[in-house]
Amino acid sequence: MRAWPIHLSILVTACLAGCRTSPPPPPVDTLINQASTLDLAGQHDAAIAIFREVLQREPNSYKAHYGIGRALDLAGHYEDAREHFGKAIELASAGERDQATRMLGIAWTFAGDIAHASSTFQQVFDRQVADGNFGAASDVAYELGRVYLEYGDLNQAEAWYRKGQEIAGRESERAAWRVDLADMRLAHALARIAARRGHPDESHRQQAIVKRLLDKGGNDDQKIQYQYLLGYVDFYLGNYAAAQKALEQADQKDPFILLLLAQSHEALGHADEARDYYQRVLGSSSHAVNNAFARPIARAKLGA
């Protein structure tokens, strides 16, 4: 058999050594799902690295900008998070735009910038009212009321909570339980606002309204929120032991409730318990206003 010429042998050998094909990279959607799973599991830096890999391949991926914005906020990189949420809004479809804009409002809340947070939430509220989507608009009004409340603008908080109830009332053919829910949400908010103002009698009067509406039935899923209300009111009226007891019966997955528990223990001189609850706040991967209030405080307390 004839031998191959030397130059052909070299080419064949080189090809066999170096021309083996590499496996194709994972599909972008697979990477996004991996990153989102890591983010929800609290591995925010790992999630950010994968989202950046996706954006190198697809710089106009709405899902990647949205996902990395979320992870960056939870990792404490607030300015970078807002940049990516802004890009997500530019890339969003009509059906995605309000959610992306809400997330930007939450991002401003993480940064403690109430002016930008409120103007961003109001964009969503105004669009939803204009579209006749009154149920969704009322939810945004309550969300904005809560932002004002937790950052200390009690008059604006009350105005937005009342606006939320008024907008909810524009929904046609509301079931009785939905009417009660709107009334309950307003009374719940007014009780907290009164406690922040140092008005215990008004706070307890509004508390009683919430209890009466709960006892009617139809909104049993809200019962856990009553313990949060009791704890919140007691905390801001300076009854820290009572606040601790009530909050321990509230939703232990809510980072804001965990924050109030940490602060109650701190006020009672329970340093170890306070530190434990601050650490539990950081275990939450929620990107919502309750975590936007709680997480920066916990990070500062723990030096994280």
C-alpha atoms as a PDB file:
ATOM      1  CA  MET A   1       0.000   0.000   0.000  1.00  0.00           C
ATOM      2  CA  ARG A   2       1.315   3.406  -0.908  1.00  0.00           C
ATOM      3  CA  ALA A   3       2.209   5.709   1.966  1.00  0.00           C
ATOM      4  CA  TRP A   4       0.620   9.141   2.085  1.00  0.00           C
ATOM      5  CA  PRO A   5       2.881  12.044   1.258  1.00  0.00           C
ATOM      6  CA  ILE A   6       4.474  13.521   4.365  1.00  0.00           C
ATOM      7  CA  HIS A   7       2.556  16.824   4.109  1.00  0.00           C
ATOM      8  CA  LEU A   8      -0.804  14.985   3.951  1.00  0.00           C
ATOM      9  CA  SER A   9       0.142  12.825   6.933  1.00  0.00           C
ATOM     10  CA  ILE A  10       0.918  15.967   8.934  1.00  0.00           C
ATOM     11  CA  LEU A  11      -2.443  17.516   7.996  1.00  0.00           C
ATOM     12  CA  VAL A  12      -4.382  14.387   8.905  1.00  0.00           C
ATOM     13  CA  THR A  13      -2.554  14.057  12.236  1.00  0.00           C
ATOM     14  CA  ALA A  14      -3.149  17.742  13.057  1.00  0.00           C
ATOM     15  CA  CYS A  15      -6.809  17.460  12.222  1.00  0.00           C
ATOM     16  CA  LEU A  16      -7.239  14.361  14.362  1.00  0.00           C
ATOM     17  CA  ALA A  17      -5.500  16.161  17.239  1.00  0.00           C
ATOM     18  CA  GLY A  18      -7.076  19.597  16.990  1.00  0.00           C
ATOM     19  CA  CYS A  19     -10.167  19.459  14.808  1.00  0.00           C
ATOM     20  CA  ARG A  20     -12.399  17.586  17.194  1.00  0.00           C
ATOM     21  CA  THR A  21     -15.610  19.596  17.503  1.00  0.00           C
ATOM     22  CA  SER A  22     -16.486  21.097  20.910  1.00  0.00           C
ATOM     23  CA  PRO A  23     -19.966  20.477  22.264  1.00  0.00           C
ATOM     24  CA  PRO A  24     -22.311  23.363  21.449  1.00  0.00           C
ATOM     25  CA  PRO A  25     -22.963  25.838  24.275  1.00  0.00           C
ATOM     26  CA  PRO A  26     -26.226  25.346  26.194  1.00  0.00           C
ATOM     27  CA  PRO A  27     -29.260  27.126  24.706  1.00  0.00           C
ATOM     28  CA  VAL A  28     -29.853  30.614  26.051  1.00  0.00           C
ATOM     29  CA  ASP A  29     -33.179  29.649  27.636  1.00  0.00           C
ATOM     30  CA  THR A  30     -31.443  26.837  29.527  1.00  0.00           C
ATOM     31  CA  LEU A  31     -28.849  29.261  30.873  1.00  0.00           C
ATOM     32  CA  ILE A  32     -31.539  31.752  31.907  1.00  0.00           C
ATOM     33  CA  ASN A  33     -33.403  29.025  33.768  1.00  0.00           C
ATOM     34  CA  GLN A  34     -30.183  27.964  35.503  1.00  0.00           C
ATOM     35  CA  ALA A  35     -29.415  31.539  36.517  1.00  0.00           C
ATOM     36  CA  SER A  36     -32.950  32.126  37.788  1.00  0.00           C
ATOM     37  CA  THR A  37     -32.802  28.951  39.874  1.00  0.00           C
ATOM     38  CA  LEU A  38     -29.492  30.038  41.406  1.00  0.00           C
ATOM     39  CA  ASP A  39     -30.884  33.502  42.131  1.00  0.00           C
ATOM     40  CA  LEU A  40     -33.913  32.081  43.938  1.00  0.00           C
ATOM     41  CA  ALA A  41     -31.598  29.789  45.904  1.00  0.00           C
ATOM     42  CA  GLY A  42     -29.658  32.810  47.171  1.00  0.00           C
ATOM     43  CA  GLN A  43     -26.602  32.284  44.932  1.00  0.00           C
ATOM     44  CA  HIS A  44     -26.855  35.727  43.431  1.00  0.00           C
ATOM     45  CA  ASP A  45     -23.246  36.133  42.274  1.00  0.00           C
ATOM     46  CA  ALA A  46     -23.361  32.808  40.419  1.00  0.00           C
ATOM     47  CA  ALA A  47     -26.641  33.840  38.817  1.00  0.00           C
ATOM     48  CA  ILE A  48     -25.180  37.188  37.748  1.00  0.00           C
ATOM     49  CA  ALA A  49     -22.215  35.449  36.069  1.00  0.00           C
ATOM     50  CA  ILE A  50     -24.543  33.260  33.975  1.00  0.00           C
ATOM     51  CA  PHE A  51     -26.804  36.172  33.063  1.00  0.00           C
ATOM     52  CA  ARG A  52     -23.711  38.076  31.872  1.00  0.00           C
ATOM     53  CA  GLU A  53     -22.762  35.090  29.706  1.00  0.00           C
ATOM     54  CA  VAL A  54     -26.238  35.180  28.157  1.00  0.00           C
ATOM     55  CA  LEU A  55     -26.001  38.906  27.506  1.00  0.00           C
ATOM     56  CA  GLN A  56     -22.685  38.443  25.704  1.00  0.00           C
ATOM     57  CA  ARG A  57     -24.492  36.127  23.310  1.00  0.00           C
ATOM     58  CA  GLU A  58     -27.821  37.961  23.202  1.00  0.00           C
ATOM     59  CA  PRO A  59     -27.433  41.557  24.380  1.00  0.00           C
ATOM     60  CA  ASN A  60     -31.101  42.284  23.697  1.00  0.00           C
ATOM     61  CA  SER A  61     -32.545  39.469  25.788  1.00  0.00           C
ATOM     62  CA  TYR A  62     -35.432  40.865  27.852  1.00  0.00           C
ATOM     63  CA  LYS A  63     -35.371  37.874  30.209  1.00  0.00           C
ATOM     64  CA  ALA A  64     -31.639  38.214  30.854  1.00  0.00           C
ATOM     65  CA  HIS A  65     -31.812  41.957  31.599  1.00  0.00           C
ATOM     66  CA  TYR A  66     -34.832  41.394  33.850  1.00  0.00           C
ATOM     67  CA  GLY A  67     -33.199  38.467  35.649  1.00  0.00           C
ATOM     68  CA  ILE A  68     -29.810  40.075  36.190  1.00  0.00           C
ATOM     69  CA  GLY A  69     -31.472  43.254  37.467  1.00  0.00           C
ATOM     70  CA  ARG A  70     -33.234  41.199  40.096  1.00  0.00           C
ATOM     71  CA  ALA A  71     -30.056  39.349  41.116  1.00  0.00           C
ATOM     72  CA  LEU A  72     -27.984  42.552  41.219  1.00  0.00           C
ATOM     73  CA  ASP A  73     -30.443  44.202  43.617  1.00  0.00           C
ATOM     74  CA  LEU A  74     -30.294  41.215  45.951  1.00  0.00           C
ATOM     75  CA  ALA A  75     -26.493  41.298  45.783  1.00  0.00           C
ATOM     76  CA  GLY A  76     -26.533  44.987  46.726  1.00  0.00           C
ATOM     77  CA  HIS A  77     -25.468  46.395  43.326  1.00  0.00           C
ATOM     78  CA  TYR A  78     -28.359  48.826  43.061  1.00  0.00           C
ATOM     79  CA  GLU A  79     -27.144  51.149  40.302  1.00  0.00           C
ATOM     80  CA  ASP A  80     -26.262  48.258  37.987  1.00  0.00           C
ATOM     81  CA  ALA A  81     -29.649  46.668  38.733  1.00  0.00           C
ATOM     82  CA  ARG A  82     -31.511  49.818  37.673  1.00  0.00           C
ATOM     83  CA  GLU A  83     -29.510  49.994  34.446  1.00  0.00           C
ATOM     84  CA  HIS A  84     -30.612  46.492  33.487  1.00  0.00           C
ATOM     85  CA  PHE A  85     -34.247  47.043  34.500  1.00  0.00           C
ATOM     86  CA  GLY A  86     -34.215  50.168  32.338  1.00  0.00           C
ATOM     87  CA  LYS A  87     -32.999  48.084  29.410  1.00  0.00           C
ATOM     88  CA  ALA A  88     -35.648  45.446  30.147  1.00  0.00           C
ATOM     89  CA  ILE A  89     -38.335  48.133  29.946  1.00  0.00           C
ATOM     90  CA  GLU A  90     -37.007  49.201  26.530  1.00  0.00           C
ATOM     91  CA  LEU A  91     -37.131  45.592  25.303  1.00  0.00           C
ATOM     92  CA  ALA A  92     -40.421  44.632  26.950  1.00  0.00           C
ATOM     93  CA  SER A  93     -43.513  43.699  25.014  1.00  0.00           C
ATOM     94  CA  ALA A  94     -46.728  45.553  25.814  1.00  0.00           C
ATOM     95  CA  GLY A  95     -47.707  42.757  28.180  1.00  0.00           C
ATOM     96  CA  GLU A  96     -44.340  42.830  29.966  1.00  0.00           C
ATOM     97  CA  ARG A  97     -43.820  46.576  30.318  1.00  0.00           C
ATOM     98  CA  ASP A  98     -45.805  47.194  33.501  1.00  0.00           C
ATOM     99  CA  GLN A  99     -44.110  44.342  35.367  1.00  0.00           C
ATOM    100  CA  ALA A 100     -40.641  45.492  34.283  1.00  0.00           C
ATOM    101  CA  THR A 101     -41.483  49.061  35.333  1.00  0.00           C
ATOM    102  CA  ARG A 102     -42.742  47.835  38.718  1.00  0.00           C
ATOM    103  CA  MET A 103     -39.445  46.024  39.186  1.00  0.00           C
ATOM    104  CA  LEU A 104     -37.606  49.269  38.492  1.00  0.00           C
ATOM    105  CA  GLY A 105     -39.776  50.948  41.138  1.00  0.00           C
ATOM    106  CA  ILE A 106     -38.764  48.210  43.572  1.00  0.00           C
ATOM    107  CA  ALA A 107     -35.124  48.708  42.553  1.00  0.00           C
ATOM    108  CA  TRP A 108     -35.379  52.399  43.475  1.00  0.00           C
ATOM    109  CA  THR A 109     -36.943  51.279  46.788  1.00  0.00           C
ATOM    110  CA  PHE A 110     -33.930  49.032  47.472  1.00  0.00           C
ATOM    111  CA  ALA A 111     -31.779  52.137  47.023  1.00  0.00           C
ATOM    112  CA  GLY A 112     -33.983  54.158  49.399  1.00  0.00           C
ATOM    113  CA  ASP A 113     -34.848  56.738  46.731  1.00  0.00           C
ATOM    114  CA  ILE A 114     -38.514  57.474  47.405  1.00  0.00           C
ATOM    115  CA  ALA A 115     -38.803  60.194  44.755  1.00  0.00           C
ATOM    116  CA  HIS A 116     -37.749  57.944  41.886  1.00  0.00           C
ATOM    117  CA  ALA A 117     -39.599  54.942  43.323  1.00  0.00           C
ATOM    118  CA  SER A 118     -42.872  56.862  43.563  1.00  0.00           C
ATOM    119  CA  SER A 119     -42.637  58.354  40.071  1.00  0.00           C
ATOM    120  CA  THR A 120     -41.859  54.920  38.613  1.00  0.00           C
ATOM    121  CA  PHE A 121     -44.771  53.193  40.360  1.00  0.00           C
ATOM    122  CA  GLN A 122     -47.066  56.019  39.320  1.00  0.00           C
ATOM    123  CA  GLN A 123     -46.250  55.391  35.649  1.00  0.00           C
ATOM    124  CA  VAL A 124     -47.666  51.882  36.050  1.00  0.00           C
ATOM    125  CA  PHE A 125     -50.657  53.127  38.039  1.00  0.00           C
ATOM    126  CA  ASP A 126     -51.548  55.779  35.458  1.00  0.00           C
ATOM    127  CA  ARG A 127     -51.337  53.313  32.569  1.00  0.00           C
ATOM    128  CA  GLN A 128     -53.489  50.760  34.336  1.00  0.00           C
ATOM    129  CA  VAL A 129     -56.142  53.312  35.249  1.00  0.00           C
ATOM    130  CA  ALA A 130     -56.178  54.565  31.654  1.00  0.00           C
ATOM    131  CA  ASP A 131     -56.618  50.960  30.455  1.00  0.00           C
ATOM    132  CA  GLY A 132     -59.471  50.369  32.902  1.00  0.00           C
ATOM    133  CA  ASN A 133     -57.465  47.728  34.767  1.00  0.00           C
ATOM    134  CA  PHE A 134     -58.672  48.953  38.143  1.00  0.00           C
ATOM    135  CA  GLY A 135     -57.834  45.850  40.174  1.00  0.00           C
ATOM    136  CA  ALA A 136     -54.178  45.935  39.141  1.00  0.00           C
ATOM    137  CA  ALA A 137     -54.058  49.729  39.557  1.00  0.00           C
ATOM    138  CA  SER A 138     -55.357  49.457  43.124  1.00  0.00           C
ATOM    139  CA  ASP A 139     -52.590  46.943  43.937  1.00  0.00           C
ATOM    140  CA  VAL A 140     -49.963  49.391  42.683  1.00  0.00           C
ATOM    141  CA  ALA A 141     -51.547  52.193  44.734  1.00  0.00           C
ATOM    142  CA  TYR A 142     -51.310  50.041  47.876  1.00  0.00           C
ATOM    143  CA  GLU A 143     -47.710  49.202  46.990  1.00  0.00           C
ATOM    144  CA  LEU A 144     -46.870  52.874  46.630  1.00  0.00           C
ATOM    145  CA  GLY A 145     -48.681  53.659  49.874  1.00  0.00           C
ATOM    146  CA  ARG A 146     -46.481  51.143  51.614  1.00  0.00           C
ATOM    147  CA  VAL A 147     -43.322  52.665  50.156  1.00  0.00           C
ATOM    148  CA  TYR A 148     -44.320  56.083  51.500  1.00  0.00           C
ATOM    149  CA  LEU A 149     -45.238  54.555  54.876  1.00  0.00           C
ATOM    150  CA  GLU A 150     -41.974  52.710  55.437  1.00  0.00           C
ATOM    151  CA  TYR A 151     -39.943  55.735  54.402  1.00  0.00           C
ATOM    152  CA  GLY A 152     -41.880  57.968  56.790  1.00  0.00           C
ATOM    153  CA  ASP A 153     -44.126  60.116  54.562  1.00  0.00           C
ATOM    154  CA  LEU A 154     -47.325  59.249  56.418  1.00  0.00           C
ATOM    155  CA  ASN A 155     -49.584  61.774  54.682  1.00  0.00           C
ATOM    156  CA  GLN A 156     -48.691  60.496  51.216  1.00  0.00           C
ATOM    157  CA  ALA A 157     -49.007  56.927  52.479  1.00  0.00           C
ATOM    158  CA  GLU A 158     -52.566  57.553  53.640  1.00  0.00           C
ATOM    159  CA  ALA A 159     -53.452  59.340  50.401  1.00  0.00           C
ATOM    160  CA  TRP A 160     -52.273  56.413  48.272  1.00  0.00           C
ATOM    161  CA  TYR A 161     -53.936  53.772  50.420  1.00  0.00           C
ATOM    162  CA  ARG A 162     -57.217  55.674  50.142  1.00  0.00           C
ATOM    163  CA  LYS A 163     -56.674  56.001  46.413  1.00  0.00           C
ATOM    164  CA  GLY A 164     -56.164  52.255  46.199  1.00  0.00           C
ATOM    165  CA  GLN A 165     -59.515  51.631  47.850  1.00  0.00           C
ATOM    166  CA  GLU A 166     -61.244  54.180  45.625  1.00  0.00           C
ATOM    167  CA  ILE A 167     -59.809  52.651  42.446  1.00  0.00           C
ATOM    168  CA  ALA A 168     -60.751  49.146  43.597  1.00  0.00           C
ATOM    169  CA  GLY A 169     -64.304  50.427  43.914  1.00  0.00           C
ATOM    170  CA  ARG A 170     -64.398  51.146  40.183  1.00  0.00           C
ATOM    171  CA  GLU A 171     -64.321  47.449  39.349  1.00  0.00           C
ATOM    172  CA  SER A 172     -67.684  46.342  38.045  1.00  0.00           C
ATOM    173  CA  GLU A 173     -69.777  43.670  39.759  1.00  0.00           C
ATOM    174  CA  ARG A 174     -67.455  43.112  42.685  1.00  0.00           C
ATOM    175  CA  ALA A 175     -68.208  40.120  44.881  1.00  0.00           C
ATOM    176  CA  ALA A 176     -68.929  40.878  48.531  1.00  0.00           C
ATOM    177  CA  TRP A 177     -65.630  39.353  49.639  1.00  0.00           C
ATOM    178  CA  ARG A 178     -63.728  41.718  47.325  1.00  0.00           C
ATOM    179  CA  VAL A 179     -65.521  44.730  48.811  1.00  0.00           C
ATOM    180  CA  ASP A 180     -64.613  43.485  52.287  1.00  0.00           C
ATOM    181  CA  LEU A 181     -61.014  42.887  51.174  1.00  0.00           C
ATOM    182  CA  ALA A 182     -60.638  46.491  49.970  1.00  0.00           C
ATOM    183  CA  ASP A 183     -62.120  47.814  53.231  1.00  0.00           C
ATOM    184  CA  MET A 184     -59.861  45.501  55.204  1.00  0.00           C
ATOM    185  CA  ARG A 185     -56.740  46.596  53.356  1.00  0.00           C
ATOM    186  CA  LEU A 186     -57.512  50.242  54.038  1.00  0.00           C
ATOM    187  CA  ALA A 187     -58.216  49.660  57.745  1.00  0.00           C
ATOM    188  CA  HIS A 188     -55.038  47.565  58.007  1.00  0.00           C
ATOM    189  CA  ALA A 189     -53.040  50.432  56.519  1.00  0.00           C
ATOM    190  CA  LEU A 190     -54.725  53.135  58.624  1.00  0.00           C
ATOM    191  CA  ALA A 191     -53.988  51.158  61.792  1.00  0.00           C
ATOM    192  CA  ARG A 192     -50.290  51.053  60.916  1.00  0.00           C
ATOM    193  CA  ILE A 193     -50.234  54.725  59.965  1.00  0.00           C
ATOM    194  CA  ALA A 194     -51.937  55.691  63.255  1.00  0.00           C
ATOM    195  CA  ALA A 195     -49.341  53.676  65.186  1.00  0.00           C
ATOM    196  CA  ARG A 196     -46.551  55.480  63.341  1.00  0.00           C
ATOM    197  CA  ARG A 197     -48.214  58.775  64.288  1.00  0.00           C
ATOM    198  CA  GLY A 198     -48.365  57.722  67.930  1.00  0.00           C
ATOM    199  CA  HIS A 199     -52.174  57.509  68.026  1.00  0.00           C
ATOM    200  CA  PRO A 200     -52.968  54.225  69.816  1.00  0.00           C
ATOM    201  CA  ASP A 201     -56.738  54.778  70.100  1.00  0.00           C
ATOM    202  CA  GLU A 202     -57.177  55.271  66.340  1.00  0.00           C
ATOM    203  CA  SER A 203     -54.811  52.407  65.617  1.00  0.00           C
ATOM    204  CA  HIS A 204     -56.816  50.040  67.807  1.00  0.00           C
ATOM    205  CA  ARG A 205     -60.096  51.261  66.298  1.00  0.00           C
ATOM    206  CA  GLN A 206     -58.845  50.377  62.803  1.00  0.00           C
ATOM    207  CA  GLN A 207     -57.538  47.057  64.119  1.00  0.00           C
ATOM    208  CA  ALA A 208     -61.039  46.250  65.322  1.00  0.00           C
ATOM    209  CA  ILE A 209     -62.417  46.951  61.830  1.00  0.00           C
ATOM    210  CA  VAL A 210     -59.940  44.471  60.342  1.00  0.00           C
ATOM    211  CA  LYS A 211     -60.917  41.850  62.928  1.00  0.00           C
ATOM    212  CA  ARG A 212     -64.636  42.329  62.279  1.00  0.00           C
ATOM    213  CA  LEU A 213     -64.173  41.952  58.519  1.00  0.00           C
ATOM    214  CA  LEU A 214     -62.047  38.844  58.985  1.00  0.00           C
ATOM    215  CA  ASP A 215     -64.637  37.294  61.253  1.00  0.00           C
ATOM    216  CA  LYS A 216     -67.259  37.677  58.501  1.00  0.00           C
ATOM    217  CA  GLY A 217     -65.405  35.052  56.483  1.00  0.00           C
ATOM    218  CA  GLY A 218     -64.606  35.038  52.803  1.00  0.00           C
ATOM    219  CA  ASN A 219     -61.024  36.269  53.236  1.00  0.00           C
ATOM    220  CA  ASP A 220     -59.576  33.539  55.412  1.00  0.00           C
ATOM    221  CA  ASP A 221     -56.234  33.726  53.570  1.00  0.00           C
ATOM    222  CA  GLN A 222     -55.780  37.182  55.136  1.00  0.00           C
ATOM    223  CA  LYS A 223     -55.896  35.924  58.735  1.00  0.00           C
ATOM    224  CA  ILE A 224     -52.120  35.586  58.904  1.00  0.00           C
ATOM    225  CA  GLN A 225     -51.877  39.287  58.041  1.00  0.00           C
ATOM    226  CA  TYR A 226     -53.756  40.117  61.247  1.00  0.00           C
ATOM    227  CA  GLN A 227     -50.864  38.852  63.383  1.00  0.00           C
ATOM    228  CA  TYR A 228     -48.514  41.019  61.328  1.00  0.00           C
ATOM    229  CA  LEU A 229     -50.804  43.999  61.982  1.00  0.00           C
ATOM    230  CA  LEU A 230     -50.837  43.368  65.742  1.00  0.00           C
ATOM    231  CA  GLY A 231     -47.055  43.052  65.788  1.00  0.00           C
ATOM    232  CA  TYR A 232     -46.500  46.133  63.657  1.00  0.00           C
ATOM    233  CA  VAL A 233     -48.775  48.284  65.808  1.00  0.00           C
ATOM    234  CA  ASP A 234     -47.217  47.066  69.059  1.00  0.00           C
ATOM    235  CA  PHE A 235     -43.714  47.614  67.693  1.00  0.00           C
ATOM    236  CA  TYR A 236     -44.349  51.235  66.749  1.00  0.00           C
ATOM    237  CA  LEU A 237     -46.187  51.896  70.007  1.00  0.00           C
ATOM    238  CA  GLY A 238     -43.124  50.611  71.879  1.00  0.00           C
ATOM    239  CA  ASN A 239     -44.644  47.360  73.154  1.00  0.00           C
ATOM    240  CA  TYR A 240     -41.750  45.213  71.986  1.00  0.00           C
ATOM    241  CA  ALA A 241     -42.511  42.012  73.913  1.00  0.00           C
ATOM    242  CA  ALA A 242     -46.095  41.991  72.604  1.00  0.00           C
ATOM    243  CA  ALA A 243     -44.787  42.771  69.109  1.00  0.00           C
ATOM    244  CA  GLN A 244     -42.419  39.808  69.283  1.00  0.00           C
ATOM    245  CA  LYS A 245     -45.195  37.449  70.379  1.00  0.00           C
ATOM    246  CA  ALA A 246     -47.572  38.521  67.585  1.00  0.00           C
ATOM    247  CA  LEU A 247     -44.926  38.572  64.861  1.00  0.00           C
ATOM    248  CA  GLU A 248     -43.836  35.033  65.718  1.00  0.00           C
ATOM    249  CA  GLN A 249     -47.348  33.959  64.627  1.00  0.00           C
ATOM    250  CA  ALA A 250     -47.133  35.891  61.349  1.00  0.00           C
ATOM    251  CA  ASP A 251     -45.644  34.761  58.011  1.00  0.00           C
ATOM    252  CA  GLN A 252     -42.100  33.632  58.786  1.00  0.00           C
ATOM    253  CA  LYS A 253     -41.149  33.749  55.097  1.00  0.00           C
ATOM    254  CA  ASP A 254     -41.832  37.484  54.843  1.00  0.00           C
ATOM    255  CA  PRO A 255     -38.494  39.330  55.168  1.00  0.00           C
ATOM    256  CA  PHE A 256     -40.157  42.472  56.512  1.00  0.00           C
ATOM    257  CA  ILE A 257     -41.776  40.507  59.350  1.00  0.00           C
ATOM    258  CA  LEU A 258     -38.378  38.941  60.068  1.00  0.00           C
ATOM    259  CA  LEU A 259     -36.920  42.462  60.166  1.00  0.00           C
ATOM    260  CA  LEU A 260     -39.528  43.591  62.697  1.00  0.00           C
ATOM    261  CA  LEU A 261     -38.743  40.530  64.793  1.00  0.00           C
ATOM    262  CA  ALA A 262     -35.030  41.349  64.645  1.00  0.00           C
ATOM    263  CA  GLN A 263     -35.706  44.938  65.685  1.00  0.00           C
ATOM    264  CA  SER A 264     -38.071  43.843  68.476  1.00  0.00           C
ATOM    265  CA  HIS A 265     -35.414  41.506  69.892  1.00  0.00           C
ATOM    266  CA  GLU A 266     -32.823  44.255  69.550  1.00  0.00           C
ATOM    267  CA  ALA A 267     -35.040  46.677  71.487  1.00  0.00           C
ATOM    268  CA  LEU A 268     -35.480  44.022  74.203  1.00  0.00           C
ATOM    269  CA  GLY A 269     -31.705  43.560  74.453  1.00  0.00           C
ATOM    270  CA  HIS A 270     -31.701  40.097  72.850  1.00  0.00           C
ATOM    271  CA  ALA A 271     -28.583  40.504  70.711  1.00  0.00           C
ATOM    272  CA  ASP A 272     -28.196  36.875  69.608  1.00  0.00           C
ATOM    273  CA  GLU A 273     -31.853  36.526  68.626  1.00  0.00           C
ATOM    274  CA  ALA A 274     -31.746  39.833  66.774  1.00  0.00           C
ATOM    275  CA  ARG A 275     -28.692  38.739  64.808  1.00  0.00           C
ATOM    276  CA  ASP A 276     -30.385  35.441  63.913  1.00  0.00           C
ATOM    277  CA  TYR A 277     -33.422  37.222  62.507  1.00  0.00           C
ATOM    278  CA  TYR A 278     -31.300  39.697  60.570  1.00  0.00           C
ATOM    279  CA  GLN A 279     -29.515  36.699  59.053  1.00  0.00           C
ATOM    280  CA  ARG A 280     -32.865  35.146  58.155  1.00  0.00           C
ATOM    281  CA  VAL A 281     -33.808  38.351  56.329  1.00  0.00           C
ATOM    282  CA  LEU A 282     -30.795  37.847  54.076  1.00  0.00           C
ATOM    283  CA  GLY A 283     -32.025  34.326  53.348  1.00  0.00           C
ATOM    284  CA  SER A 284     -34.969  35.748  51.411  1.00  0.00           C
ATOM    285  CA  SER A 285     -34.629  35.998  47.625  1.00  0.00           C
ATOM    286  CA  SER A 286     -37.835  37.988  47.204  1.00  0.00           C
ATOM    287  CA  HIS A 287     -37.670  41.016  44.885  1.00  0.00           C
ATOM    288  CA  ALA A 288     -40.599  42.918  46.361  1.00  0.00           C
ATOM    289  CA  VAL A 289     -41.020  46.074  48.400  1.00  0.00           C
ATOM    290  CA  ASN A 290     -41.054  44.167  51.704  1.00  0.00           C
ATOM    291  CA  ASN A 291     -37.531  42.881  50.995  1.00  0.00           C
ATOM    292  CA  ALA A 292     -36.482  46.245  49.581  1.00  0.00           C
ATOM    293  CA  PHE A 293     -37.164  47.723  53.035  1.00  0.00           C
ATOM    294  CA  ALA A 294     -35.714  44.823  55.015  1.00  0.00           C
ATOM    295  CA  ARG A 295     -32.639  43.595  53.172  1.00  0.00           C
ATOM    296  CA  PRO A 296     -30.544  46.819  53.157  1.00  0.00           C
ATOM    297  CA  ILE A 297     -31.107  47.232  56.903  1.00  0.00           C
ATOM    298  CA  ALA A 298     -30.132  43.621  57.610  1.00  0.00           C
ATOM    299  CA  ARG A 299     -27.032  43.938  55.426  1.00  0.00           C
ATOM    300  CA  ALA A 300     -25.975  47.053  57.314  1.00  0.00           C
ATOM    301  CA  LYS A 301     -26.607  45.447  60.724  1.00  0.00           C
ATOM    302  CA  LEU A 302     -24.578  42.353  59.824  1.00  0.00           C
ATOM    303  CA  GLY A 303     -21.878  44.208  57.923  1.00  0.00           C
ATOM    304  CA  ALA A 304     -22.706  42.074  54.903  1.00  0.00           C
END
